[in-house]
């Protein structure tokens, strides 16, 4: 809804909106993994994250490290979450 509203207002920052769309799915997936939701539900949101991450991967303003984190979390959410908790 927010992306649609921004477009209606004339916002032309498509890269920013693509990142915002991806971040929404990243946050939901993180919450699902953290709360130990069923594997099917986590898999559904991981697929959504992978789909919305494609434009972010092409954005040259997003660092390689951030792209790597998005990629790893979208493909191996539970393992990434566990590893991320141990490292911090």
C-alpha atoms as a PDB file:
ATOM      1  CA  UNK A   1       0.000   0.000   0.000  1.00  0.00           C
ATOM      2  CA  UNK A   2       2.745   2.447   0.880  1.00  0.00           C
ATOM      3  CA  UNK A   3       4.561   1.874  -2.412  1.00  0.00           C
ATOM      4  CA  UNK A   4       1.321   2.501  -4.316  1.00  0.00           C
ATOM      5  CA  UNK A   5       0.745   5.703  -2.351  1.00  0.00           C
ATOM      6  CA  UNK A   6       4.282   6.895  -3.031  1.00  0.00           C
ATOM      7  CA  UNK A   7       3.866   6.254  -6.751  1.00  0.00           C
ATOM      8  CA  UNK A   8       0.553   8.131  -6.733  1.00  0.00           C
ATOM      9  CA  UNK A   9       2.328  11.085  -5.102  1.00  0.00           C
ATOM     10  CA  UNK A  10       4.931  11.053  -7.882  1.00  0.00           C
ATOM     11  CA  UNK A  11       7.852   9.453  -6.090  1.00  0.00           C
ATOM     12  CA  UNK A  12      10.314   8.315  -8.744  1.00  0.00           C
ATOM     13  CA  UNK A  13      12.793   6.514  -6.480  1.00  0.00           C
ATOM     14  CA  UNK A  14      12.106   3.025  -7.831  1.00  0.00           C
ATOM     15  CA  UNK A  15      15.277   1.573  -6.291  1.00  0.00           C
ATOM     16  CA  UNK A  16      14.275   2.842  -2.863  1.00  0.00           C
ATOM     17  CA  UNK A  17      10.774   1.466  -3.211  1.00  0.00           C
ATOM     18  CA  UNK A  18      12.148  -1.908  -4.340  1.00  0.00           C
ATOM     19  CA  UNK A  19      14.375  -1.990  -1.257  1.00  0.00           C
ATOM     20  CA  UNK A  20      11.431  -1.064   0.973  1.00  0.00           C
ATOM     21  CA  UNK A  21       9.319  -3.865  -0.567  1.00  0.00           C
ATOM     22  CA  UNK A  22      12.138  -6.375  -0.007  1.00  0.00           C
ATOM     23  CA  UNK A  23      12.734  -5.169   3.552  1.00  0.00           C
ATOM     24  CA  UNK A  24       9.083  -5.800   4.406  1.00  0.00           C
ATOM     25  CA  UNK A  25       9.464  -9.477   3.508  1.00  0.00           C
ATOM     26  CA  UNK A  26      12.849  -9.676   5.246  1.00  0.00           C
ATOM     27  CA  UNK A  27      11.341  -8.379   8.485  1.00  0.00           C
ATOM     28  CA  UNK A  28       8.363 -10.738   8.368  1.00  0.00           C
ATOM     29  CA  UNK A  29      10.625 -13.720   7.633  1.00  0.00           C
ATOM     30  CA  UNK A  30      12.921 -12.735  10.505  1.00  0.00           C
ATOM     31  CA  UNK A  31       9.946 -12.606  12.876  1.00  0.00           C
ATOM     32  CA  UNK A  32       8.706 -15.997  11.681  1.00  0.00           C
ATOM     33  CA  UNK A  33      12.089 -17.652  12.155  1.00  0.00           C
ATOM     34  CA  UNK A  34      12.604 -16.016  15.551  1.00  0.00           C
ATOM     35  CA  UNK A  35       9.214 -17.253  16.770  1.00  0.00           C
ATOM     36  CA  UNK A  36       9.834 -20.824  15.473  1.00  0.00           C
ATOM     37  CA  UNK A  37       6.900 -20.839  13.052  1.00  0.00           C
ATOM     38  CA  UNK A  38       6.174 -23.913  10.876  1.00  0.00           C
ATOM     39  CA  UNK A  39       8.613 -24.753   8.111  1.00  0.00           C
ATOM     40  CA  UNK A  40       5.972 -24.231   5.396  1.00  0.00           C
ATOM     41  CA  UNK A  41       5.239 -20.706   6.567  1.00  0.00           C
ATOM     42  CA  UNK A  42       8.931 -19.838   6.702  1.00  0.00           C
ATOM     43  CA  UNK A  43       9.410 -21.318   3.237  1.00  0.00           C
ATOM     44  CA  UNK A  44       6.581 -19.214   1.832  1.00  0.00           C
ATOM     45  CA  UNK A  45       8.077 -15.969   3.096  1.00  0.00           C
ATOM     46  CA  UNK A  46      11.587 -16.996   2.075  1.00  0.00           C
ATOM     47  CA  UNK A  47      10.266 -17.419  -1.476  1.00  0.00           C
ATOM     48  CA  UNK A  48       8.629 -13.987  -1.299  1.00  0.00           C
ATOM     49  CA  UNK A  49      11.885 -12.488  -0.088  1.00  0.00           C
ATOM     50  CA  UNK A  50      13.823 -14.122  -2.932  1.00  0.00           C
ATOM     51  CA  UNK A  51      11.347 -12.732  -5.456  1.00  0.00           C
ATOM     52  CA  UNK A  52      11.424  -9.180  -4.109  1.00  0.00           C
ATOM     53  CA  UNK A  53      15.209  -9.205  -3.662  1.00  0.00           C
ATOM     54  CA  UNK A  54      15.970  -9.404  -7.400  1.00  0.00           C
ATOM     55  CA  UNK A  55      15.785  -5.627  -8.007  1.00  0.00           C
ATOM     56  CA  UNK A  56      17.872  -5.014  -4.889  1.00  0.00           C
ATOM     57  CA  UNK A  57      20.635  -7.281  -6.208  1.00  0.00           C
ATOM     58  CA  UNK A  58      20.847  -5.075  -9.317  1.00  0.00           C
ATOM     59  CA  UNK A  59      21.031  -1.849  -7.302  1.00  0.00           C
ATOM     60  CA  UNK A  60      24.623  -0.605  -7.300  1.00  0.00           C
ATOM     61  CA  UNK A  61      24.033   1.509  -4.169  1.00  0.00           C
ATOM     62  CA  UNK A  62      23.418  -1.578  -2.029  1.00  0.00           C
ATOM     63  CA  UNK A  63      26.672  -3.034  -0.727  1.00  0.00           C
ATOM     64  CA  UNK A  64      27.822  -6.512  -1.632  1.00  0.00           C
ATOM     65  CA  UNK A  65      27.791  -7.499   2.042  1.00  0.00           C
ATOM     66  CA  UNK A  66      24.134  -6.502   2.399  1.00  0.00           C
ATOM     67  CA  UNK A  67      23.232  -8.360  -0.787  1.00  0.00           C
ATOM     68  CA  UNK A  68      25.027 -11.447   0.560  1.00  0.00           C
ATOM     69  CA  UNK A  69      23.065 -11.261   3.819  1.00  0.00           C
ATOM     70  CA  UNK A  70      19.762 -10.964   1.951  1.00  0.00           C
ATOM     71  CA  UNK A  71      20.705 -13.896  -0.289  1.00  0.00           C
ATOM     72  CA  UNK A  72      21.750 -16.146   2.589  1.00  0.00           C
ATOM     73  CA  UNK A  73      18.705 -15.320   4.696  1.00  0.00           C
ATOM     74  CA  UNK A  74      16.321 -15.883   1.785  1.00  0.00           C
ATOM     75  CA  UNK A  75      17.829 -19.291   0.967  1.00  0.00           C
ATOM     76  CA  UNK A  76      18.731 -20.621   4.426  1.00  0.00           C
ATOM     77  CA  UNK A  77      16.656 -18.606   6.919  1.00  0.00           C
ATOM     78  CA  UNK A  78      16.993 -20.843   9.978  1.00  0.00           C
ATOM     79  CA  UNK A  79      20.705 -21.475   9.506  1.00  0.00           C
ATOM     80  CA  UNK A  80      21.383 -17.794   8.858  1.00  0.00           C
ATOM     81  CA  UNK A  81      19.403 -16.772  11.928  1.00  0.00           C
ATOM     82  CA  UNK A  82      21.239 -19.273  14.138  1.00  0.00           C
ATOM     83  CA  UNK A  83      24.633 -18.224  12.804  1.00  0.00           C
ATOM     84  CA  UNK A  84      23.780 -14.551  13.157  1.00  0.00           C
ATOM     85  CA  UNK A  85      22.805 -15.057  16.806  1.00  0.00           C
ATOM     86  CA  UNK A  86      26.105 -16.806  17.581  1.00  0.00           C
ATOM     87  CA  UNK A  87      28.247 -14.157  15.910  1.00  0.00           C
ATOM     88  CA  UNK A  88      26.696 -11.177  17.671  1.00  0.00           C
END
